């Protein structure tokens, strides 16, 4: 698991991005991102999805992603990259060959979706990558053990599981707070991203 921080975005760049403009093109600070050629077929397609739900080879497939992009990104190794962005914009790298800067992939996605999100990128051809992002909810939960947490509360009975096993550890108050937002009976699932940052899913029971 790796971490890299991108150059701090200026106010002008943020305003341009939120207006749907590419700051690199308008401000001239960076070489422009190159999008894939437009498909002459006008029928709607999820261009960067395969049948497994992951982006690759321009195959049509499920609409599971909140944002997709085709990006020219020289210098990236391997054929597949997974990363997660935190609410502050930090990028946590889950799978990558080498340690190249993933900013071109994240910057292209963030023309369409804001952090936090999970992303998968696969090489299409040479330096051309297809990348898809799925929005997630992230919480900061100080809990030293395990990588998967599940807190269930039903009536007056509650249980905490850590990596699938029942645990008598003190329940993190952050999990209880998240659960109570949907009612008195709930299930909160949390998957560790890095350190005290967890992806969380909350559902009523």
N, C-alpha and C. Protein backbone atom coordinates (compact mmCIF):
# COMPACT_ATOMS: atom_id res chain seq x y z
N UNK A 1 0.86 -1.18 0.00
CA UNK A 1 0.00 0.00 0.00
C UNK A 1 0.89 1.22 0.00
N UNK A 2 0.70 2.13 -0.95
CA UNK A 2 1.52 3.33 -1.03
C UNK A 2 0.67 4.58 -0.98
N UNK A 3 1.32 5.71 -0.72
CA UNK A 3 0.64 6.99 -0.63
C UNK A 3 1.42 8.01 -1.42
N UNK A 4 0.72 8.82 -2.24
CA UNK A 4 1.38 10.00 -2.77
C UNK A 4 0.40 11.16 -2.73
N UNK A 5 0.97 12.36 -2.59
CA UNK A 5 0.17 13.58 -2.55
C UNK A 5 0.45 14.38 -3.81
N UNK A 6 -0.63 14.86 -4.42
CA UNK A 6 -0.49 15.66 -5.62
C UNK A 6 -0.19 17.11 -5.27
N UNK A 7 0.33 17.84 -6.25
CA UNK A 7 0.54 19.28 -6.07
C UNK A 7 -0.77 19.93 -5.65
N UNK A 8 -0.70 20.87 -4.68
CA UNK A 8 -1.90 21.51 -4.17
C UNK A 8 -2.60 22.29 -5.29
N UNK A 9 -3.89 22.06 -5.46
CA UNK A 9 -4.67 22.74 -6.48
C UNK A 9 -4.90 24.18 -6.08
N UNK A 10 -4.67 25.13 -7.03
CA UNK A 10 -4.93 26.53 -6.75
C UNK A 10 -6.42 26.81 -6.84
N UNK A 11 -6.83 27.98 -6.33
CA UNK A 11 -8.24 28.38 -6.39
C UNK A 11 -8.70 28.49 -7.83
N UNK A 12 -7.86 29.09 -8.70
CA UNK A 12 -8.23 29.20 -10.12
C UNK A 12 -8.44 27.84 -10.76
N UNK A 13 -7.55 26.89 -10.45
CA UNK A 13 -7.68 25.55 -11.01
C UNK A 13 -8.95 24.87 -10.52
N UNK A 14 -9.28 25.05 -9.22
CA UNK A 14 -10.48 24.43 -8.68
C UNK A 14 -11.72 24.99 -9.34
N UNK A 15 -11.76 26.33 -9.52
CA UNK A 15 -12.93 26.95 -10.14
C UNK A 15 -13.09 26.50 -11.58
N UNK A 16 -11.97 26.39 -12.31
CA UNK A 16 -12.03 25.93 -13.69
C UNK A 16 -12.51 24.49 -13.76
N UNK A 17 -11.99 23.62 -12.86
CA UNK A 17 -12.40 22.22 -12.87
C UNK A 17 -13.88 22.10 -12.56
N UNK A 18 -14.37 22.86 -11.57
CA UNK A 18 -15.77 22.78 -11.20
C UNK A 18 -16.67 23.32 -12.31
N UNK A 19 -16.10 24.18 -13.18
CA UNK A 19 -16.87 24.68 -14.31
C UNK A 19 -16.81 23.75 -15.51
N UNK A 20 -16.13 22.62 -15.37
CA UNK A 20 -16.05 21.66 -16.45
C UNK A 20 -14.94 21.93 -17.43
N UNK A 21 -13.97 22.80 -17.09
CA UNK A 21 -12.86 23.12 -17.97
C UNK A 21 -11.60 22.44 -17.46
N UNK A 22 -10.68 22.19 -18.38
CA UNK A 22 -9.42 21.55 -18.03
C UNK A 22 -8.43 22.63 -17.64
N UNK A 23 -8.03 22.74 -16.35
CA UNK A 23 -7.08 23.78 -15.95
C UNK A 23 -5.77 23.73 -16.72
N UNK A 24 -5.33 22.53 -17.09
CA UNK A 24 -4.06 22.42 -17.82
C UNK A 24 -4.13 23.12 -19.16
N UNK A 25 -5.29 23.03 -19.82
CA UNK A 25 -5.43 23.67 -21.12
C UNK A 25 -5.60 25.18 -20.98
N UNK A 26 -6.38 25.61 -19.98
CA UNK A 26 -6.68 27.02 -19.83
C UNK A 26 -5.49 27.79 -19.27
N UNK A 27 -4.84 27.22 -18.24
CA UNK A 27 -3.75 27.91 -17.57
C UNK A 27 -2.39 27.63 -18.18
N UNK A 28 -2.28 26.55 -18.92
CA UNK A 28 -1.02 26.25 -19.59
C UNK A 28 0.07 25.76 -18.69
N UNK A 29 -0.28 25.23 -17.52
CA UNK A 29 0.77 24.79 -16.58
C UNK A 29 1.32 23.42 -16.91
N UNK A 30 0.51 22.58 -17.58
CA UNK A 30 0.91 21.21 -17.82
C UNK A 30 0.55 20.82 -19.24
N UNK A 31 1.17 19.77 -19.70
CA UNK A 31 0.77 19.22 -21.00
C UNK A 31 -0.65 18.72 -20.89
N UNK A 32 -1.50 18.98 -21.90
CA UNK A 32 -2.91 18.60 -21.82
C UNK A 32 -3.09 17.11 -21.80
N UNK A 33 -4.12 16.68 -21.11
CA UNK A 33 -4.51 15.29 -21.16
C UNK A 33 -5.11 15.00 -22.52
N UNK A 34 -4.82 13.85 -23.04
CA UNK A 34 -5.34 13.48 -24.35
C UNK A 34 -6.43 12.45 -24.19
N UNK A 35 -7.63 12.78 -24.64
CA UNK A 35 -8.73 11.84 -24.59
C UNK A 35 -8.65 10.89 -25.77
N UNK A 36 -9.28 9.72 -25.61
CA UNK A 36 -9.31 8.76 -26.70
C UNK A 36 -10.13 9.31 -27.85
N UNK A 37 -9.87 8.90 -29.10
CA UNK A 37 -10.67 9.35 -30.23
C UNK A 37 -12.14 9.01 -30.01
N UNK A 38 -13.02 9.90 -30.48
CA UNK A 38 -14.44 9.66 -30.34
C UNK A 38 -14.88 8.47 -31.18
N UNK A 39 -15.77 7.70 -30.62
CA UNK A 39 -16.29 6.52 -31.31
C UNK A 39 -17.29 6.98 -32.37
N UNK A 40 -17.11 6.60 -33.63
CA UNK A 40 -18.07 7.01 -34.65
C UNK A 40 -19.44 6.40 -34.46
N UNK A 41 -19.53 5.33 -33.68
CA UNK A 41 -20.82 4.71 -33.41
C UNK A 41 -21.56 5.56 -32.38
N UNK A 42 -22.71 6.18 -32.72
CA UNK A 42 -23.38 7.10 -31.80
C UNK A 42 -24.15 6.41 -30.69
N UNK A 43 -24.25 5.08 -30.71
CA UNK A 43 -25.01 4.40 -29.69
C UNK A 43 -24.31 4.52 -28.34
N UNK A 44 -25.07 4.71 -27.23
CA UNK A 44 -24.45 4.84 -25.90
C UNK A 44 -23.65 3.59 -25.56
N UNK A 45 -22.44 3.80 -25.06
CA UNK A 45 -21.59 2.67 -24.67
C UNK A 45 -20.77 3.06 -23.47
N UNK A 46 -20.51 2.12 -22.59
CA UNK A 46 -19.53 2.30 -21.52
C UNK A 46 -18.19 1.85 -22.09
N UNK A 47 -17.46 2.78 -22.64
CA UNK A 47 -16.34 2.44 -23.52
C UNK A 47 -15.21 1.72 -22.79
N UNK A 48 -15.06 1.96 -21.51
CA UNK A 48 -13.90 1.40 -20.84
C UNK A 48 -14.26 0.29 -19.87
N UNK A 49 -15.31 -0.48 -20.17
CA UNK A 49 -15.68 -1.58 -19.30
C UNK A 49 -15.62 -2.90 -20.03
N UNK A 50 -15.18 -3.92 -19.32
CA UNK A 50 -15.28 -5.27 -19.82
C UNK A 50 -16.40 -6.01 -19.14
N UNK A 51 -16.58 -7.26 -19.52
CA UNK A 51 -17.68 -8.04 -18.95
C UNK A 51 -17.50 -8.31 -17.47
N UNK A 52 -16.26 -8.14 -16.97
CA UNK A 52 -16.02 -8.35 -15.54
C UNK A 52 -16.26 -7.08 -14.73
N UNK A 53 -16.73 -6.03 -15.38
CA UNK A 53 -17.02 -4.80 -14.67
C UNK A 53 -15.81 -3.90 -14.49
N UNK A 54 -14.64 -4.28 -15.02
CA UNK A 54 -13.44 -3.48 -14.89
C UNK A 54 -13.11 -2.87 -16.25
N UNK A 55 -12.46 -1.70 -16.24
CA UNK A 55 -12.24 -1.02 -17.51
C UNK A 55 -11.11 -1.65 -18.31
N UNK A 56 -11.42 -2.09 -19.51
CA UNK A 56 -10.35 -2.54 -20.40
C UNK A 56 -10.87 -2.73 -21.82
N UNK A 57 -10.02 -2.43 -22.75
CA UNK A 57 -10.20 -2.74 -24.17
C UNK A 57 -11.49 -2.22 -24.79
N UNK A 58 -12.03 -1.15 -24.26
CA UNK A 58 -13.15 -0.45 -24.89
C UNK A 58 -14.39 -1.31 -25.05
N UNK A 59 -14.51 -2.38 -24.32
CA UNK A 59 -15.67 -3.26 -24.47
C UNK A 59 -16.85 -2.69 -23.70
N UNK A 60 -18.07 -2.77 -24.28
CA UNK A 60 -19.24 -2.33 -23.52
C UNK A 60 -19.48 -3.25 -22.35
N UNK A 61 -20.12 -2.75 -21.31
CA UNK A 61 -20.34 -3.57 -20.13
C UNK A 61 -21.21 -2.87 -19.12
N UNK A 62 -21.19 -3.31 -17.84
CA UNK A 62 -22.10 -2.78 -16.83
C UNK A 62 -21.80 -1.32 -16.49
N UNK A 63 -22.85 -0.60 -16.12
CA UNK A 63 -22.70 0.83 -15.77
C UNK A 63 -22.49 0.98 -14.27
N UNK A 64 -21.41 0.42 -13.77
CA UNK A 64 -21.16 0.42 -12.33
C UNK A 64 -20.34 1.60 -11.86
N UNK A 65 -19.77 2.38 -12.77
CA UNK A 65 -18.86 3.43 -12.40
C UNK A 65 -19.55 4.78 -12.40
N UNK A 66 -19.10 5.68 -11.53
CA UNK A 66 -19.61 7.05 -11.51
C UNK A 66 -18.89 7.95 -12.49
N UNK A 67 -17.69 7.56 -12.90
CA UNK A 67 -16.93 8.36 -13.87
C UNK A 67 -15.94 7.46 -14.58
N UNK A 68 -15.72 7.74 -15.85
CA UNK A 68 -14.72 7.02 -16.62
C UNK A 68 -13.94 8.02 -17.48
N UNK A 69 -12.75 7.64 -17.87
CA UNK A 69 -11.93 8.50 -18.73
C UNK A 69 -10.94 7.64 -19.48
N UNK A 70 -10.50 8.15 -20.62
CA UNK A 70 -9.39 7.58 -21.36
C UNK A 70 -8.25 8.60 -21.31
N UNK A 71 -7.08 8.17 -20.88
CA UNK A 71 -6.01 9.11 -20.53
C UNK A 71 -4.69 8.66 -21.13
N UNK A 72 -3.97 9.58 -21.73
CA UNK A 72 -2.58 9.34 -22.11
C UNK A 72 -1.71 9.56 -20.88
N UNK A 73 -1.05 8.50 -20.41
CA UNK A 73 -0.26 8.58 -19.18
C UNK A 73 1.06 7.87 -19.38
N UNK A 74 2.05 8.51 -20.00
CA UNK A 74 3.36 7.89 -20.20
C UNK A 74 4.05 7.60 -18.87
N UNK A 75 4.83 6.55 -18.86
CA UNK A 75 5.66 6.25 -17.70
C UNK A 75 5.05 5.33 -16.68
N UNK A 76 3.79 4.93 -16.85
CA UNK A 76 3.18 4.01 -15.90
C UNK A 76 3.54 2.58 -16.27
N UNK A 77 3.86 1.77 -15.27
CA UNK A 77 4.24 0.39 -15.51
C UNK A 77 3.07 -0.55 -15.38
N UNK A 78 3.24 -1.79 -15.87
CA UNK A 78 2.22 -2.81 -15.73
C UNK A 78 1.02 -2.57 -16.62
N UNK A 79 -0.03 -3.33 -16.39
CA UNK A 79 -1.26 -3.22 -17.18
C UNK A 79 -2.48 -2.89 -16.35
N UNK A 80 -2.33 -2.85 -15.03
CA UNK A 80 -3.48 -2.59 -14.16
C UNK A 80 -3.02 -1.82 -12.93
N UNK A 81 -3.83 -0.84 -12.53
CA UNK A 81 -3.53 -0.02 -11.36
C UNK A 81 -4.82 0.14 -10.56
N UNK A 82 -4.74 -0.01 -9.25
CA UNK A 82 -5.86 0.27 -8.37
C UNK A 82 -5.43 1.34 -7.37
N UNK A 83 -6.30 2.32 -7.16
CA UNK A 83 -5.99 3.32 -6.14
C UNK A 83 -7.29 3.87 -5.56
N UNK A 84 -7.14 4.49 -4.38
CA UNK A 84 -8.27 5.08 -3.67
C UNK A 84 -7.90 6.49 -3.27
N UNK A 85 -8.81 7.43 -3.45
CA UNK A 85 -8.56 8.79 -2.98
C UNK A 85 -9.30 9.03 -1.68
N UNK A 86 -8.65 9.76 -0.78
CA UNK A 86 -9.25 10.16 0.48
C UNK A 86 -9.96 11.50 0.31
N UNK A 87 -10.79 11.90 1.27
CA UNK A 87 -11.49 13.19 1.13
C UNK A 87 -10.57 14.39 0.93
N UNK A 88 -9.34 14.33 1.47
CA UNK A 88 -8.42 15.45 1.32
C UNK A 88 -7.65 15.41 0.00
N UNK A 89 -7.92 14.41 -0.85
CA UNK A 89 -7.26 14.32 -2.15
C UNK A 89 -6.05 13.41 -2.17
N UNK A 90 -5.57 12.96 -1.01
CA UNK A 90 -4.45 12.02 -1.01
C UNK A 90 -4.85 10.75 -1.75
N UNK A 91 -3.88 10.14 -2.42
CA UNK A 91 -4.11 8.94 -3.21
C UNK A 91 -3.42 7.76 -2.55
N UNK A 92 -4.18 6.73 -2.22
CA UNK A 92 -3.63 5.51 -1.63
C UNK A 92 -3.56 4.47 -2.75
N UNK A 93 -2.37 3.99 -3.03
CA UNK A 93 -2.16 3.06 -4.13
C UNK A 93 -2.28 1.64 -3.62
N UNK A 94 -3.22 0.88 -4.19
CA UNK A 94 -3.41 -0.50 -3.77
C UNK A 94 -2.67 -1.48 -4.64
N UNK A 95 -2.59 -1.21 -5.95
CA UNK A 95 -1.90 -2.11 -6.87
C UNK A 95 -1.27 -1.28 -7.97
N UNK A 96 0.04 -1.41 -8.14
CA UNK A 96 0.75 -0.68 -9.18
C UNK A 96 2.09 -1.36 -9.41
N UNK A 97 2.54 -1.40 -10.65
CA UNK A 97 3.88 -1.86 -10.97
C UNK A 97 4.78 -0.64 -11.01
N UNK A 98 5.74 -0.55 -10.09
CA UNK A 98 6.57 0.63 -10.00
C UNK A 98 5.95 1.65 -9.06
N UNK A 99 6.44 2.88 -9.12
CA UNK A 99 5.94 3.93 -8.24
C UNK A 99 5.78 5.24 -8.99
N UNK A 100 5.27 5.18 -10.21
CA UNK A 100 5.09 6.38 -11.02
C UNK A 100 3.97 7.25 -10.47
N UNK A 101 3.97 8.51 -10.84
CA UNK A 101 2.95 9.47 -10.41
C UNK A 101 1.63 9.14 -11.11
N UNK A 102 0.58 8.92 -10.32
CA UNK A 102 -0.73 8.59 -10.88
C UNK A 102 -1.60 9.82 -11.08
N UNK A 103 -1.04 11.01 -10.92
CA UNK A 103 -1.84 12.23 -11.04
C UNK A 103 -2.60 12.34 -12.35
N UNK A 104 -2.04 11.94 -13.52
CA UNK A 104 -2.84 12.06 -14.75
C UNK A 104 -4.14 11.29 -14.69
N UNK A 105 -4.12 10.11 -14.06
CA UNK A 105 -5.35 9.31 -13.96
C UNK A 105 -6.34 9.98 -13.01
N UNK A 106 -5.86 10.38 -11.83
CA UNK A 106 -6.75 11.00 -10.85
C UNK A 106 -7.28 12.34 -11.34
N UNK A 107 -6.43 13.13 -11.98
CA UNK A 107 -6.87 14.44 -12.47
C UNK A 107 -7.94 14.30 -13.54
N UNK A 108 -7.79 13.31 -14.41
CA UNK A 108 -8.80 13.10 -15.45
C UNK A 108 -10.14 12.70 -14.85
N UNK A 109 -10.11 11.81 -13.86
CA UNK A 109 -11.35 11.39 -13.22
C UNK A 109 -12.03 12.56 -12.52
N UNK A 110 -11.24 13.43 -11.92
CA UNK A 110 -11.82 14.49 -11.10
C UNK A 110 -12.37 15.64 -11.91
N UNK A 111 -12.31 15.52 -13.25
CA UNK A 111 -13.13 16.38 -14.09
C UNK A 111 -14.60 15.98 -13.97
N UNK A 112 -14.85 14.75 -13.47
CA UNK A 112 -16.20 14.17 -13.48
C UNK A 112 -16.68 13.73 -12.10
N UNK A 113 -15.77 13.47 -11.17
CA UNK A 113 -16.16 12.97 -9.85
C UNK A 113 -15.17 13.51 -8.82
N UNK A 114 -15.68 13.80 -7.62
CA UNK A 114 -14.83 14.34 -6.55
C UNK A 114 -14.45 13.23 -5.58
N UNK A 115 -13.28 13.34 -4.93
CA UNK A 115 -12.92 12.37 -3.89
C UNK A 115 -13.95 12.41 -2.76
N UNK A 116 -14.09 11.31 -2.04
CA UNK A 116 -13.30 10.06 -2.13
C UNK A 116 -13.93 9.08 -3.12
N UNK A 117 -13.07 8.25 -3.73
CA UNK A 117 -13.54 7.22 -4.66
C UNK A 117 -12.48 6.13 -4.78
N UNK A 118 -12.92 4.96 -5.24
CA UNK A 118 -12.01 3.90 -5.63
C UNK A 118 -11.89 3.90 -7.14
N UNK A 119 -10.71 3.59 -7.65
CA UNK A 119 -10.50 3.62 -9.09
C UNK A 119 -9.70 2.41 -9.55
N UNK A 120 -10.01 1.96 -10.75
CA UNK A 120 -9.26 0.89 -11.41
C UNK A 120 -8.89 1.39 -12.81
N UNK A 121 -7.63 1.24 -13.16
CA UNK A 121 -7.16 1.64 -14.49
C UNK A 121 -6.50 0.45 -15.16
N UNK A 122 -6.75 0.27 -16.44
CA UNK A 122 -6.08 -0.78 -17.20
C UNK A 122 -5.55 -0.20 -18.51
N UNK A 123 -4.41 -0.72 -18.90
CA UNK A 123 -3.78 -0.23 -20.12
C UNK A 123 -4.60 -0.66 -21.34
N UNK A 124 -4.83 0.30 -22.23
CA UNK A 124 -5.55 0.01 -23.46
C UNK A 124 -4.58 -0.27 -24.62
N UNK A 125 -3.62 0.65 -24.78
CA UNK A 125 -2.67 0.51 -25.88
C UNK A 125 -1.53 1.49 -25.63
N UNK A 126 -0.31 0.98 -25.55
CA UNK A 126 0.85 1.82 -25.29
C UNK A 126 0.61 2.67 -24.04
N UNK A 127 0.56 4.01 -24.20
CA UNK A 127 0.39 4.90 -23.05
C UNK A 127 -1.06 5.27 -22.80
N UNK A 128 -1.99 4.67 -23.50
CA UNK A 128 -3.40 4.99 -23.33
C UNK A 128 -4.02 4.07 -22.28
N UNK A 129 -4.65 4.68 -21.27
CA UNK A 129 -5.26 3.94 -20.17
C UNK A 129 -6.76 4.25 -20.10
N UNK A 130 -7.54 3.24 -19.78
CA UNK A 130 -8.94 3.43 -19.43
C UNK A 130 -9.06 3.34 -17.92
N UNK A 131 -9.77 4.29 -17.32
CA UNK A 131 -9.87 4.34 -15.87
C UNK A 131 -11.32 4.63 -15.47
N UNK A 132 -11.79 3.92 -14.43
CA UNK A 132 -13.13 4.11 -13.92
C UNK A 132 -13.09 4.35 -12.42
N UNK A 133 -14.01 5.17 -11.92
CA UNK A 133 -14.06 5.51 -10.49
C UNK A 133 -15.44 5.26 -9.93
N UNK A 134 -15.48 4.77 -8.70
CA UNK A 134 -16.72 4.53 -7.97
C UNK A 134 -16.67 5.31 -6.66
N UNK A 135 -17.67 6.18 -6.45
CA UNK A 135 -17.70 6.96 -5.22
C UNK A 135 -17.82 6.05 -4.01
N UNK A 136 -17.20 6.45 -2.91
CA UNK A 136 -17.28 5.70 -1.66
C UNK A 136 -17.46 6.68 -0.51
N UNK A 137 -17.86 6.16 0.65
CA UNK A 137 -17.89 6.93 1.88
C UNK A 137 -16.68 6.53 2.72
N UNK A 138 -16.02 7.52 3.27
CA UNK A 138 -14.80 7.29 4.06
C UNK A 138 -14.97 7.89 5.43
N UNK A 139 -14.54 7.16 6.46
CA UNK A 139 -14.56 7.65 7.83
C UNK A 139 -13.20 7.40 8.46
N UNK A 140 -12.85 8.27 9.40
CA UNK A 140 -11.59 8.11 10.16
C UNK A 140 -11.94 7.41 11.47
N UNK A 141 -11.47 6.17 11.63
CA UNK A 141 -11.82 5.34 12.77
C UNK A 141 -10.54 4.81 13.42
N UNK A 142 -10.16 5.32 14.57
CA UNK A 142 -8.98 4.77 15.25
C UNK A 142 -9.28 3.37 15.78
N UNK A 143 -8.76 2.37 15.10
CA UNK A 143 -8.95 0.97 15.52
C UNK A 143 -7.75 0.19 15.00
N UNK A 144 -6.93 -0.34 15.90
CA UNK A 144 -5.64 -0.88 15.48
C UNK A 144 -5.70 -2.25 14.82
N UNK A 145 -6.78 -3.01 15.03
CA UNK A 145 -6.79 -4.40 14.62
C UNK A 145 -7.66 -4.62 13.38
N UNK A 146 -7.25 -5.62 12.58
CA UNK A 146 -8.09 -6.08 11.49
C UNK A 146 -8.14 -5.15 10.30
N UNK A 147 -8.75 -5.69 9.24
CA UNK A 147 -8.96 -4.92 8.02
C UNK A 147 -10.43 -4.81 7.64
N UNK A 148 -11.28 -5.60 8.31
CA UNK A 148 -12.72 -5.57 8.04
C UNK A 148 -13.46 -5.51 9.37
N UNK A 149 -14.34 -4.55 9.51
CA UNK A 149 -15.17 -4.42 10.70
C UNK A 149 -16.64 -4.51 10.31
N UNK A 150 -17.43 -5.09 11.19
CA UNK A 150 -18.88 -5.13 10.98
C UNK A 150 -19.57 -4.97 12.34
N UNK A 151 -20.35 -3.91 12.45
CA UNK A 151 -21.11 -3.66 13.67
C UNK A 151 -22.59 -3.79 13.35
N UNK A 152 -23.27 -4.72 14.03
CA UNK A 152 -24.71 -4.92 13.86
C UNK A 152 -25.42 -4.55 15.14
N UNK A 153 -26.49 -3.79 15.03
CA UNK A 153 -27.30 -3.42 16.18
C UNK A 153 -28.75 -3.70 15.85
N UNK A 154 -29.39 -4.59 16.61
CA UNK A 154 -30.78 -4.97 16.38
C UNK A 154 -31.48 -5.00 17.73
N UNK A 155 -32.45 -4.09 17.90
CA UNK A 155 -33.11 -3.92 19.20
C UNK A 155 -32.04 -3.59 20.24
N UNK A 156 -31.97 -4.36 21.31
CA UNK A 156 -30.97 -4.08 22.35
C UNK A 156 -29.72 -4.93 22.21
N UNK A 157 -29.63 -5.69 21.13
CA UNK A 157 -28.49 -6.58 20.94
C UNK A 157 -27.58 -6.04 19.84
N UNK A 158 -26.29 -6.03 20.16
CA UNK A 158 -25.30 -5.59 19.18
C UNK A 158 -24.10 -6.50 19.21
N UNK A 159 -23.43 -6.60 18.06
CA UNK A 159 -22.21 -7.40 18.00
C UNK A 159 -21.22 -6.76 17.05
N UNK A 160 -19.97 -6.91 17.39
CA UNK A 160 -18.87 -6.40 16.58
C UNK A 160 -18.07 -7.59 16.05
N UNK A 161 -17.85 -7.60 14.76
CA UNK A 161 -16.99 -8.62 14.14
C UNK A 161 -15.77 -7.94 13.54
N UNK A 162 -14.62 -8.57 13.76
CA UNK A 162 -13.35 -8.09 13.21
C UNK A 162 -12.80 -9.17 12.31
N UNK A 163 -12.67 -8.88 11.05
CA UNK A 163 -12.25 -9.86 10.05
C UNK A 163 -13.12 -11.12 10.11
N UNK A 164 -14.42 -10.91 10.31
CA UNK A 164 -15.38 -12.01 10.30
C UNK A 164 -15.56 -12.73 11.61
N UNK A 165 -14.75 -12.43 12.61
CA UNK A 165 -14.83 -13.12 13.90
C UNK A 165 -15.43 -12.21 14.96
N UNK A 166 -16.30 -12.79 15.82
CA UNK A 166 -16.85 -12.01 16.92
C UNK A 166 -15.73 -11.44 17.79
N UNK A 167 -15.90 -10.20 18.23
CA UNK A 167 -14.86 -9.55 19.02
C UNK A 167 -15.49 -8.89 20.24
N UNK A 168 -14.75 -8.93 21.37
CA UNK A 168 -15.20 -8.23 22.56
C UNK A 168 -14.45 -6.91 22.75
N UNK A 169 -13.79 -6.43 21.68
CA UNK A 169 -13.09 -5.15 21.74
C UNK A 169 -14.11 -4.02 21.90
N UNK A 170 -13.72 -2.93 22.52
CA UNK A 170 -14.63 -1.78 22.63
C UNK A 170 -15.08 -1.32 21.23
N UNK A 171 -16.37 -1.07 21.09
CA UNK A 171 -16.91 -0.65 19.80
C UNK A 171 -16.47 0.78 19.51
N UNK A 172 -15.86 1.04 18.37
CA UNK A 172 -15.48 2.41 18.04
C UNK A 172 -16.72 3.31 17.99
N UNK A 173 -16.72 4.43 18.72
CA UNK A 173 -17.90 5.30 18.72
C UNK A 173 -18.25 5.82 17.33
N UNK A 174 -17.25 5.90 16.45
CA UNK A 174 -17.53 6.37 15.09
C UNK A 174 -18.48 5.41 14.36
N UNK A 175 -18.31 4.10 14.60
CA UNK A 175 -19.22 3.13 13.98
C UNK A 175 -20.64 3.31 14.50
N UNK A 176 -20.79 3.50 15.80
CA UNK A 176 -22.12 3.69 16.37
C UNK A 176 -22.77 4.96 15.84
N UNK A 177 -21.99 6.01 15.73
CA UNK A 177 -22.53 7.28 15.22
C UNK A 177 -23.02 7.12 13.78
N UNK A 178 -22.23 6.43 12.97
CA UNK A 178 -22.65 6.21 11.58
C UNK A 178 -23.93 5.40 11.52
N UNK A 179 -24.02 4.36 12.35
CA UNK A 179 -25.19 3.51 12.33
C UNK A 179 -26.45 4.24 12.75
N UNK A 180 -26.35 5.06 13.79
CA UNK A 180 -27.53 5.75 14.30
C UNK A 180 -28.11 6.75 13.30
N UNK A 181 -27.32 7.11 12.29
CA UNK A 181 -27.82 8.03 11.28
C UNK A 181 -28.95 7.41 10.44
N UNK A 182 -29.03 6.06 10.40
CA UNK A 182 -30.07 5.42 9.60
C UNK A 182 -31.16 4.80 10.47
N UNK A 183 -31.06 4.93 11.80
CA UNK A 183 -32.09 4.40 12.67
C UNK A 183 -31.52 3.60 13.82
N UNK A 184 -32.40 3.08 14.69
CA UNK A 184 -31.92 2.34 15.87
C UNK A 184 -31.37 0.96 15.54
N UNK A 185 -31.79 0.37 14.44
CA UNK A 185 -31.30 -0.94 14.02
C UNK A 185 -30.50 -0.78 12.73
N UNK A 186 -29.26 -1.24 12.74
CA UNK A 186 -28.40 -0.95 11.61
C UNK A 186 -27.26 -1.95 11.51
N UNK A 187 -26.60 -1.90 10.36
CA UNK A 187 -25.36 -2.64 10.14
C UNK A 187 -24.36 -1.69 9.50
N UNK A 188 -23.18 -1.61 10.08
CA UNK A 188 -22.10 -0.77 9.54
C UNK A 188 -20.94 -1.69 9.16
N UNK A 189 -20.53 -1.63 7.92
CA UNK A 189 -19.36 -2.39 7.44
C UNK A 189 -18.24 -1.41 7.11
N UNK A 190 -17.05 -1.76 7.50
CA UNK A 190 -15.90 -0.89 7.26
C UNK A 190 -14.72 -1.71 6.76
N UNK A 191 -14.08 -1.21 5.71
CA UNK A 191 -12.89 -1.86 5.14
C UNK A 191 -11.74 -0.86 5.21
N UNK A 192 -10.63 -1.30 5.81
CA UNK A 192 -9.51 -0.38 5.99
C UNK A 192 -8.91 0.00 4.63
N UNK A 193 -8.74 1.29 4.44
CA UNK A 193 -8.04 1.80 3.25
C UNK A 193 -6.56 1.93 3.57
N UNK A 194 -6.27 2.68 4.63
CA UNK A 194 -4.88 2.86 5.07
C UNK A 194 -4.91 3.56 6.42
N UNK A 195 -4.16 3.06 7.38
CA UNK A 195 -4.12 3.68 8.69
C UNK A 195 -5.51 3.72 9.32
N UNK A 196 -5.92 4.91 9.74
CA UNK A 196 -7.23 5.07 10.38
C UNK A 196 -8.34 5.40 9.39
N UNK A 197 -8.06 5.34 8.11
CA UNK A 197 -9.08 5.65 7.10
C UNK A 197 -9.74 4.37 6.61
N UNK A 198 -11.09 4.35 6.67
CA UNK A 198 -11.86 3.18 6.31
C UNK A 198 -12.95 3.54 5.31
N UNK A 199 -13.19 2.66 4.35
CA UNK A 199 -14.37 2.78 3.52
C UNK A 199 -15.55 2.19 4.30
N UNK A 200 -16.66 2.90 4.37
CA UNK A 200 -17.78 2.47 5.19
C UNK A 200 -19.05 2.35 4.37
N UNK A 201 -19.87 1.37 4.75
CA UNK A 201 -21.19 1.19 4.16
C UNK A 201 -22.18 1.00 5.31
N UNK A 202 -23.26 1.75 5.29
CA UNK A 202 -24.24 1.73 6.38
C UNK A 202 -25.60 1.37 5.81
N UNK A 203 -26.29 0.45 6.47
CA UNK A 203 -27.62 0.05 6.02
C UNK A 203 -28.51 -0.20 7.22
N UNK A 204 -29.81 0.14 7.10
CA UNK A 204 -30.74 -0.15 8.20
C UNK A 204 -31.09 -1.63 8.22
N UNK A 205 -31.47 -2.12 9.39
CA UNK A 205 -31.92 -3.51 9.55
C UNK A 205 -33.42 -3.52 9.77
